[in-house]
Amino acid sequence: MSAPATGTGKAAPQGDAAPPRKRGPGALATAYLVIYNVVMTAGWLVIAVGLVRAYLARGSYHGLYYSIEKPLKFFQTGAVLEILHCAAGIVPSSVVLTGFQVLSRVFLTWAVTHSVREVQSEDSVLLFVTAWTVTEIIRYSFYTFSLLNHLPYLIKWARYTFFIVLYPMGVTGELLTIYAALPYVQKTGLYSITLPNKYNFSFDYYSCLIITMVSYIPLFPQLYFHMLRQRKKVLGRVEDYSKTE
């Protein structure tokens, strides 16, 4: 899941008092964020190229996860820095919302797909990996050009349009992958802690995965409709402006 992007400020019409504007990151922070977003864009492009090359070489989409496993783990884990960016105040986004969205992907990458190797050949893995890849290429490109104050309309449009398909596609892949992992987790007792033990503590990873799946029910609609409202706000403003010219 991708964090919602913030809109860029517009100049106030002449004769109106300009509203107070939030200060953006300093020059050093901006340079760092540009480098970070360029690297992340390049990383997800590497994943996209890896998927295409593997598909062309094999002639099948089955098992493509193995061709991009290492870069996927590296760059998805690298997104944890986005939580630190919010906490440090150099990005004006919610730490809680960003943390949930980033850590949910890291969880699926490591605690499900990496840990339950039997699901790595599932088509559902390719489903969410493809959705993540396209989403992140667009998202990090959007952030890079926004920081440079040179955002092409095509990237802005893609940022607020492609999610309409990619978001449900990614969530479907994530849920199906977790569901496919359940029998193996239940059989092996993966990450579960049973009583008795010296800490007098128990944990059932199988139940944890079920709770995770159930949590998608209230959370997905909220995030999805939030992005739809953002799309209307950002792209609708551009369309209204073009009609006045």
C-alpha atoms as a PDB file:
ATOM      1  CA  MET A   1       0.000   0.000   0.000  1.00  0.00           C
ATOM      2  CA  SER A   2       1.262   3.401  -0.896  1.00  0.00           C
ATOM      3  CA  ALA A   3       1.108   6.479   1.211  1.00  0.00           C
ATOM      4  CA  PRO A   4      -1.113   9.234  -0.182  1.00  0.00           C
ATOM      5  CA  ALA A   5       0.816  12.050  -1.798  1.00  0.00           C
ATOM      6  CA  THR A   6       0.445  15.629  -0.644  1.00  0.00           C
ATOM      7  CA  GLY A   7      -0.651  18.248  -3.147  1.00  0.00           C
ATOM      8  CA  THR A   8       1.607  21.057  -4.255  1.00  0.00           C
ATOM      9  CA  GLY A   9       0.793  24.583  -3.144  1.00  0.00           C
ATOM     10  CA  LYS A  10      -0.788  27.108  -5.502  1.00  0.00           C
ATOM     11  CA  ALA A  11      -0.287  30.840  -5.531  1.00  0.00           C
ATOM     12  CA  ALA A  12      -3.240  32.839  -4.153  1.00  0.00           C
ATOM     13  CA  PRO A  13      -5.205  34.982  -6.607  1.00  0.00           C
ATOM     14  CA  GLN A  14      -4.279  38.666  -6.734  1.00  0.00           C
ATOM     15  CA  GLY A  15      -6.246  40.759  -4.264  1.00  0.00           C
ATOM     16  CA  ASP A  16      -6.624  37.856  -1.801  1.00  0.00           C
ATOM     17  CA  ALA A  17      -4.464  37.417   1.221  1.00  0.00           C
ATOM     18  CA  ALA A  18      -2.116  34.485   0.722  1.00  0.00           C
ATOM     19  CA  PRO A  19      -2.689  31.774   3.345  1.00  0.00           C
ATOM     20  CA  PRO A  20       0.262  30.871   5.519  1.00  0.00           C
ATOM     21  CA  ARG A  21       2.341  28.205   3.790  1.00  0.00           C
ATOM     22  CA  LYS A  22       4.111  25.373   5.542  1.00  0.00           C
ATOM     23  CA  ARG A  23       7.840  25.476   5.274  1.00  0.00           C
ATOM     24  CA  GLY A  24       9.268  22.728   3.165  1.00  0.00           C
ATOM     25  CA  PRO A  25      12.440  20.783   3.905  1.00  0.00           C
ATOM     26  CA  GLY A  26      15.730  22.652   3.835  1.00  0.00           C
ATOM     27  CA  ALA A  27      18.175  22.464   0.948  1.00  0.00           C
ATOM     28  CA  LEU A  28      20.157  19.586   2.495  1.00  0.00           C
ATOM     29  CA  ALA A  29      17.022  17.591   3.320  1.00  0.00           C
ATOM     30  CA  THR A  30      15.619  18.223  -0.158  1.00  0.00           C
ATOM     31  CA  ALA A  31      18.848  17.022  -1.792  1.00  0.00           C
ATOM     32  CA  TYR A  32      18.757  13.882   0.364  1.00  0.00           C
ATOM     33  CA  LEU A  33      15.095  13.208  -0.478  1.00  0.00           C
ATOM     34  CA  VAL A  34      15.762  13.653  -4.198  1.00  0.00           C
ATOM     35  CA  ILE A  35      18.615  11.141  -4.040  1.00  0.00           C
ATOM     36  CA  TYR A  36      16.527   8.723  -1.983  1.00  0.00           C
ATOM     37  CA  ASN A  37      13.571   8.871  -4.380  1.00  0.00           C
ATOM     38  CA  VAL A  38      15.801   8.567  -7.464  1.00  0.00           C
ATOM     39  CA  VAL A  39      17.471   5.473  -5.978  1.00  0.00           C
ATOM     40  CA  MET A  40      14.110   3.934  -5.067  1.00  0.00           C
ATOM     41  CA  THR A  41      12.714   4.680  -8.536  1.00  0.00           C
ATOM     42  CA  ALA A  42      15.756   3.031 -10.109  1.00  0.00           C
ATOM     43  CA  GLY A  43      15.440   0.060  -7.759  1.00  0.00           C
ATOM     44  CA  TRP A  44      11.842  -0.646  -8.674  1.00  0.00           C
ATOM     45  CA  LEU A  45      12.718  -0.194 -12.343  1.00  0.00           C
ATOM     46  CA  VAL A  46      15.350  -2.923 -11.862  1.00  0.00           C
ATOM     47  CA  ILE A  47      12.614  -5.154 -10.434  1.00  0.00           C
ATOM     48  CA  ALA A  48      10.319  -4.374 -13.391  1.00  0.00           C
ATOM     49  CA  VAL A  49      13.062  -5.154 -15.919  1.00  0.00           C
ATOM     50  CA  GLY A  50      13.897  -8.347 -14.023  1.00  0.00           C
ATOM     51  CA  LEU A  51      10.302  -9.507 -14.233  1.00  0.00           C
ATOM     52  CA  VAL A  52      10.089  -8.800 -17.967  1.00  0.00           C
ATOM     53  CA  ARG A  53      13.426 -10.464 -18.748  1.00  0.00           C
ATOM     54  CA  ALA A  54      12.546 -13.555 -16.714  1.00  0.00           C
ATOM     55  CA  TYR A  55       9.180 -13.824 -18.430  1.00  0.00           C
ATOM     56  CA  LEU A  56      10.741 -13.523 -21.897  1.00  0.00           C
ATOM     57  CA  ALA A  57      13.390 -16.121 -21.018  1.00  0.00           C
ATOM     58  CA  ARG A  58      10.969 -18.642 -19.535  1.00  0.00           C
ATOM     59  CA  GLY A  59       7.917 -17.947 -21.635  1.00  0.00           C
ATOM     60  CA  SER A  60       5.788 -18.295 -18.511  1.00  0.00           C
ATOM     61  CA  TYR A  61       4.812 -16.080 -15.581  1.00  0.00           C
ATOM     62  CA  HIS A  62       5.019 -18.947 -13.080  1.00  0.00           C
ATOM     63  CA  GLY A  63       7.864 -18.658 -10.579  1.00  0.00           C
ATOM     64  CA  LEU A  64       8.982 -15.172 -11.648  1.00  0.00           C
ATOM     65  CA  TYR A  65       9.343 -14.202  -7.976  1.00  0.00           C
ATOM     66  CA  TYR A  66      12.694 -15.989  -7.766  1.00  0.00           C
ATOM     67  CA  SER A  67      14.183 -13.728 -10.442  1.00  0.00           C
ATOM     68  CA  ILE A  68      13.553 -10.548  -8.421  1.00  0.00           C
ATOM     69  CA  GLU A  69      13.557 -11.883  -4.849  1.00  0.00           C
ATOM     70  CA  LYS A  70      16.737 -10.107  -3.675  1.00  0.00           C
ATOM     71  CA  PRO A  71      16.070  -6.618  -5.101  1.00  0.00           C
ATOM     72  CA  LEU A  72      12.446  -6.833  -3.936  1.00  0.00           C
ATOM     73  CA  LYS A  73      13.529  -7.534  -0.366  1.00  0.00           C
ATOM     74  CA  PHE A  74      16.191  -4.810  -0.464  1.00  0.00           C
ATOM     75  CA  PHE A  75      14.108  -1.968  -1.877  1.00  0.00           C
ATOM     76  CA  GLN A  76      10.912  -2.836  -0.033  1.00  0.00           C
ATOM     77  CA  THR A  77      12.842  -2.896   3.227  1.00  0.00           C
ATOM     78  CA  GLY A  78      14.468   0.402   2.215  1.00  0.00           C
ATOM     79  CA  ALA A  79      11.015   1.988   2.377  1.00  0.00           C
ATOM     80  CA  VAL A  80      11.299   1.808   6.186  1.00  0.00           C
ATOM     81  CA  LEU A  81      13.325   5.019   5.889  1.00  0.00           C
ATOM     82  CA  GLU A  82      10.087   6.765   4.915  1.00  0.00           C
ATOM     83  CA  ILE A  83       8.852   6.290   8.485  1.00  0.00           C
ATOM     84  CA  LEU A  84      12.006   8.008   9.747  1.00  0.00           C
ATOM     85  CA  HIS A  85      11.486  10.830   7.249  1.00  0.00           C
ATOM     86  CA  CYS A  86       8.049  11.473   8.722  1.00  0.00           C
ATOM     87  CA  ALA A  87       9.307  11.198  12.308  1.00  0.00           C
ATOM     88  CA  ALA A  88      12.124  13.658  11.569  1.00  0.00           C
ATOM     89  CA  GLY A  89       9.663  16.107  10.039  1.00  0.00           C
ATOM     90  CA  ILE A  90      11.315  16.376   6.629  1.00  0.00           C
ATOM     91  CA  VAL A  91       8.198  14.848   5.008  1.00  0.00           C
ATOM     92  CA  PRO A  92       4.757  16.223   6.012  1.00  0.00           C
ATOM     93  CA  SER A  93       3.022  12.853   6.311  1.00  0.00           C
ATOM     94  CA  SER A  94       1.554  10.942   9.232  1.00  0.00           C
ATOM     95  CA  VAL A  95       4.048   8.679  10.979  1.00  0.00           C
ATOM     96  CA  VAL A  96       1.249   6.280  11.946  1.00  0.00           C
ATOM     97  CA  LEU A  97      -0.276   6.022   8.465  1.00  0.00           C
ATOM     98  CA  THR A  98       3.089   5.754   6.723  1.00  0.00           C
ATOM     99  CA  GLY A  99       4.294   3.248   9.300  1.00  0.00           C
ATOM    100  CA  PHE A 100       1.244   1.037   8.814  1.00  0.00           C
ATOM    101  CA  GLN A 101       1.506   1.068   5.037  1.00  0.00           C
ATOM    102  CA  VAL A 102       5.263   0.454   4.902  1.00  0.00           C
ATOM    103  CA  LEU A 103       5.423  -2.150   7.659  1.00  0.00           C
ATOM    104  CA  SER A 104       2.473  -4.089   6.223  1.00  0.00           C
ATOM    105  CA  ARG A 105       4.471  -4.574   3.027  1.00  0.00           C
ATOM    106  CA  VAL A 106       7.661  -5.419   4.905  1.00  0.00           C
ATOM    107  CA  PHE A 107       5.655  -7.931   6.924  1.00  0.00           C
ATOM    108  CA  LEU A 108       4.315  -9.575   3.766  1.00  0.00           C
ATOM    109  CA  THR A 109       7.780  -9.574   2.178  1.00  0.00           C
ATOM    110  CA  TRP A 110       9.665 -11.149   5.084  1.00  0.00           C
ATOM    111  CA  ALA A 111       7.215 -12.746   7.542  1.00  0.00           C
ATOM    112  CA  VAL A 112       5.044 -14.362   4.859  1.00  0.00           C
ATOM    113  CA  THR A 113       6.654 -14.691   1.429  1.00  0.00           C
ATOM    114  CA  HIS A 114      10.246 -15.159   2.649  1.00  0.00           C
ATOM    115  CA  SER A 115       9.373 -17.319   5.648  1.00  0.00           C
ATOM    116  CA  VAL A 116       6.846 -19.609   3.936  1.00  0.00           C
ATOM    117  CA  ARG A 117       8.784 -20.699   0.876  1.00  0.00           C
ATOM    118  CA  GLU A 118       5.913 -22.861  -0.333  1.00  0.00           C
ATOM    119  CA  VAL A 119       3.938 -19.748  -1.346  1.00  0.00           C
ATOM    120  CA  GLN A 120       6.702 -18.188  -3.428  1.00  0.00           C
ATOM    121  CA  SER A 121       5.531 -19.988  -6.563  1.00  0.00           C
ATOM    122  CA  GLU A 122       1.911 -18.891  -6.072  1.00  0.00           C
ATOM    123  CA  ASP A 123       0.435 -16.664  -8.796  1.00  0.00           C
ATOM    124  CA  SER A 124      -0.842 -14.350  -6.055  1.00  0.00           C
ATOM    125  CA  VAL A 125       2.750 -13.350  -5.254  1.00  0.00           C
ATOM    126  CA  LEU A 126       3.291 -12.168  -8.817  1.00  0.00           C
ATOM    127  CA  LEU A 127      -0.019 -10.304  -8.559  1.00  0.00           C
ATOM    128  CA  PHE A 128       1.014  -8.123  -5.639  1.00  0.00           C
ATOM    129  CA  VAL A 129       4.627  -7.801  -6.801  1.00  0.00           C
ATOM    130  CA  THR A 130       3.461  -6.455 -10.174  1.00  0.00           C
ATOM    131  CA  ALA A 131       1.056  -4.032  -8.480  1.00  0.00           C
ATOM    132  CA  TRP A 132       3.758  -2.855  -6.057  1.00  0.00           C
ATOM    133  CA  THR A 133       6.311  -2.433  -8.838  1.00  0.00           C
ATOM    134  CA  VAL A 134       4.176  -0.232 -11.081  1.00  0.00           C
ATOM    135  CA  THR A 135       2.859   1.728  -8.091  1.00  0.00           C
ATOM    136  CA  GLU A 136       6.306   2.439  -6.676  1.00  0.00           C
ATOM    137  CA  ILE A 137       7.854   3.475  -9.982  1.00  0.00           C
ATOM    138  CA  ILE A 138       5.083   6.030 -10.379  1.00  0.00           C
ATOM    139  CA  ARG A 139       5.096   7.100  -6.725  1.00  0.00           C
ATOM    140  CA  TYR A 140       8.826   7.671  -6.369  1.00  0.00           C
ATOM    141  CA  SER A 141       8.942   9.435  -9.748  1.00  0.00           C
ATOM    142  CA  PHE A 142       6.108  11.661  -8.538  1.00  0.00           C
ATOM    143  CA  TYR A 143       8.003  12.560  -5.363  1.00  0.00           C
ATOM    144  CA  THR A 144      11.259  13.180  -7.247  1.00  0.00           C
ATOM    145  CA  PHE A 145       9.765  15.595  -9.773  1.00  0.00           C
ATOM    146  CA  SER A 146       7.682  17.287  -7.063  1.00  0.00           C
ATOM    147  CA  LEU A 147      10.820  17.976  -5.036  1.00  0.00           C
ATOM    148  CA  LEU A 148      12.425  19.428  -8.154  1.00  0.00           C
ATOM    149  CA  ASN A 149       9.332  21.603  -8.744  1.00  0.00           C
ATOM    150  CA  HIS A 150       8.995  20.151 -12.232  1.00  0.00           C
ATOM    151  CA  LEU A 151       6.166  17.644 -12.101  1.00  0.00           C
ATOM    152  CA  PRO A 152       4.912  16.478 -15.523  1.00  0.00           C
ATOM    153  CA  TYR A 153       1.137  16.209 -15.712  1.00  0.00           C
ATOM    154  CA  LEU A 154       1.410  12.636 -17.037  1.00  0.00           C
ATOM    155  CA  ILE A 155       3.113  11.465 -13.845  1.00  0.00           C
ATOM    156  CA  LYS A 156       0.620  13.351 -11.682  1.00  0.00           C
ATOM    157  CA  TRP A 157      -2.249  11.796 -13.638  1.00  0.00           C
ATOM    158  CA  ALA A 158      -0.719   8.319 -13.352  1.00  0.00           C
ATOM    159  CA  ARG A 159      -0.167   8.774  -9.603  1.00  0.00           C
ATOM    160  CA  TYR A 160      -3.834   9.559  -9.040  1.00  0.00           C
ATOM    161  CA  THR A 161      -5.316   7.188 -11.618  1.00  0.00           C
ATOM    162  CA  PHE A 162      -3.406   3.896 -11.796  1.00  0.00           C
ATOM    163  CA  PHE A 163      -4.143   3.144  -8.132  1.00  0.00           C
ATOM    164  CA  ILE A 164      -7.796   2.592  -9.088  1.00  0.00           C
ATOM    165  CA  VAL A 165      -6.740  -0.767 -10.551  1.00  0.00           C
ATOM    166  CA  LEU A 166      -3.387  -1.384  -8.877  1.00  0.00           C
ATOM    167  CA  TYR A 167      -4.576  -0.959  -5.288  1.00  0.00           C
ATOM    168  CA  PRO A 168      -7.306  -3.657  -5.432  1.00  0.00           C
ATOM    169  CA  MET A 169      -4.940  -5.823  -7.495  1.00  0.00           C
ATOM    170  CA  GLY A 170      -2.213  -5.578  -4.860  1.00  0.00           C
ATOM    171  CA  VAL A 171      -4.572  -6.163  -1.934  1.00  0.00           C
ATOM    172  CA  THR A 172      -6.042  -9.218  -3.681  1.00  0.00           C
ATOM    173  CA  GLY A 173      -2.564 -10.663  -4.214  1.00  0.00           C
ATOM    174  CA  GLU A 174      -1.582  -9.964  -0.607  1.00  0.00           C
ATOM    175  CA  LEU A 175      -4.690 -11.617   0.838  1.00  0.00           C
ATOM    176  CA  LEU A 176      -4.418 -14.668  -1.405  1.00  0.00           C
ATOM    177  CA  THR A 177      -0.749 -15.078  -0.480  1.00  0.00           C
ATOM    178  CA  ILE A 178      -1.474 -14.916   3.247  1.00  0.00           C
ATOM    179  CA  TYR A 179      -4.335 -17.376   2.765  1.00  0.00           C
ATOM    180  CA  ALA A 180      -2.035 -19.753   0.875  1.00  0.00           C
ATOM    181  CA  ALA A 181       0.482 -19.584   3.738  1.00  0.00           C
ATOM    182  CA  LEU A 182      -2.036 -20.550   6.434  1.00  0.00           C
ATOM    183  CA  PRO A 183      -1.886 -24.377   6.019  1.00  0.00           C
ATOM    184  CA  TYR A 184       1.930 -24.390   6.142  1.00  0.00           C
ATOM    185  CA  VAL A 185       2.024 -22.082   9.173  1.00  0.00           C
ATOM    186  CA  GLN A 186      -0.530 -24.225  10.989  1.00  0.00           C
ATOM    187  CA  LYS A 187       1.319 -27.446  10.151  1.00  0.00           C
ATOM    188  CA  THR A 188       4.802 -26.271  11.137  1.00  0.00           C
ATOM    189  CA  GLY A 189       3.897 -23.921  13.988  1.00  0.00           C
ATOM    190  CA  LEU A 190       6.024 -21.221  12.366  1.00  0.00           C
ATOM    191  CA  TYR A 191       6.859 -18.337  14.742  1.00  0.00           C
ATOM    192  CA  SER A 192       4.373 -19.681  17.286  1.00  0.00           C
ATOM    193  CA  ILE A 193       5.193 -19.944  20.985  1.00  0.00           C
ATOM    194  CA  THR A 194       3.368 -22.546  23.054  1.00  0.00           C
ATOM    195  CA  LEU A 195       2.930 -23.024  26.761  1.00  0.00           C
ATOM    196  CA  PRO A 196       4.461 -24.002  29.052  1.00  0.00           C
ATOM    197  CA  ASN A 197       7.624 -21.929  28.837  1.00  0.00           C
ATOM    198  CA  LYS A 198       9.696 -19.926  31.321  1.00  0.00           C
ATOM    199  CA  TYR A 199       8.177 -16.644  30.132  1.00  0.00           C
ATOM    200  CA  ASN A 200       4.594 -17.896  30.588  1.00  0.00           C
ATOM    201  CA  PHE A 201       3.758 -16.408  27.216  1.00  0.00           C
ATOM    202  CA  SER A 202       2.103 -17.868  24.143  1.00  0.00           C
ATOM    203  CA  PHE A 203       1.739 -16.628  20.576  1.00  0.00           C
ATOM    204  CA  ASP A 204      -0.102 -18.195  17.658  1.00  0.00           C
ATOM    205  CA  TYR A 205       1.218 -16.930  14.334  1.00  0.00           C
ATOM    206  CA  TYR A 206      -1.593 -18.692  12.480  1.00  0.00           C
ATOM    207  CA  SER A 207      -4.185 -16.615  14.345  1.00  0.00           C
ATOM    208  CA  CYS A 208      -2.060 -13.514  13.784  1.00  0.00           C
ATOM    209  CA  LEU A 209      -2.252 -14.021  10.014  1.00  0.00           C
ATOM    210  CA  ILE A 210      -6.024 -14.469  10.169  1.00  0.00           C
ATOM    211  CA  ILE A 211      -6.367 -11.240  12.173  1.00  0.00           C
ATOM    212  CA  THR A 212      -4.158  -9.519   9.606  1.00  0.00           C
ATOM    213  CA  MET A 213      -6.456 -10.647   6.799  1.00  0.00           C
ATOM    214  CA  VAL A 214      -9.555  -9.491   8.689  1.00  0.00           C
ATOM    215  CA  SER A 215      -7.961  -6.067   9.294  1.00  0.00           C
ATOM    216  CA  TYR A 216      -8.038  -5.436   5.544  1.00  0.00           C
ATOM    217  CA  ILE A 217     -11.859  -5.240   5.692  1.00  0.00           C
ATOM    218  CA  PRO A 218     -12.080  -1.878   7.517  1.00  0.00           C
ATOM    219  CA  LEU A 219      -8.732  -0.457   6.375  1.00  0.00           C
ATOM    220  CA  PHE A 220      -8.807  -1.021   2.616  1.00  0.00           C
ATOM    221  CA  PRO A 221     -12.023   0.963   1.915  1.00  0.00           C
ATOM    222  CA  GLN A 222     -10.794   3.901   4.030  1.00  0.00           C
ATOM    223  CA  LEU A 223      -7.469   4.176   2.207  1.00  0.00           C
ATOM    224  CA  TYR A 224      -9.011   3.531  -1.202  1.00  0.00           C
ATOM    225  CA  PHE A 225     -11.730   6.168  -0.878  1.00  0.00           C
ATOM    226  CA  HIS A 226      -9.206   8.591   0.586  1.00  0.00           C
ATOM    227  CA  MET A 227      -7.169   8.268  -2.613  1.00  0.00           C
ATOM    228  CA  LEU A 228     -10.327   8.720  -4.702  1.00  0.00           C
ATOM    229  CA  ARG A 229     -11.031  11.974  -2.856  1.00  0.00           C
ATOM    230  CA  GLN A 230      -7.428  13.039  -3.381  1.00  0.00           C
ATOM    231  CA  ARG A 231      -7.758  12.281  -7.093  1.00  0.00           C
ATOM    232  CA  LYS A 232     -10.859  14.440  -7.393  1.00  0.00           C
ATOM    233  CA  LYS A 233      -9.180  17.220  -5.436  1.00  0.00           C
ATOM    234  CA  VAL A 234      -5.892  17.218  -7.387  1.00  0.00           C
ATOM    235  CA  LEU A 235      -6.947  16.293 -10.927  1.00  0.00           C
ATOM    236  CA  GLY A 236     -10.327  18.023 -10.664  1.00  0.00           C
ATOM    237  CA  ARG A 237      -8.536  21.262  -9.849  1.00  0.00           C
ATOM    238  CA  VAL A 238      -6.385  20.933 -12.962  1.00  0.00           C
ATOM    239  CA  GLU A 239      -9.413  20.163 -15.160  1.00  0.00           C
ATOM    240  CA  ASP A 240     -11.348  23.142 -13.773  1.00  0.00           C
ATOM    241  CA  TYR A 241      -8.368  25.409 -14.404  1.00  0.00           C
ATOM    242  CA  SER A 242      -8.020  24.213 -18.022  1.00  0.00           C
ATOM    243  CA  LYS A 243     -11.699  24.910 -18.691  1.00  0.00           C
ATOM    244  CA  THR A 244     -11.311  28.553 -17.673  1.00  0.00           C
ATOM    245  CA  GLU A 245      -8.605  29.196 -20.260  1.00  0.00           C
END
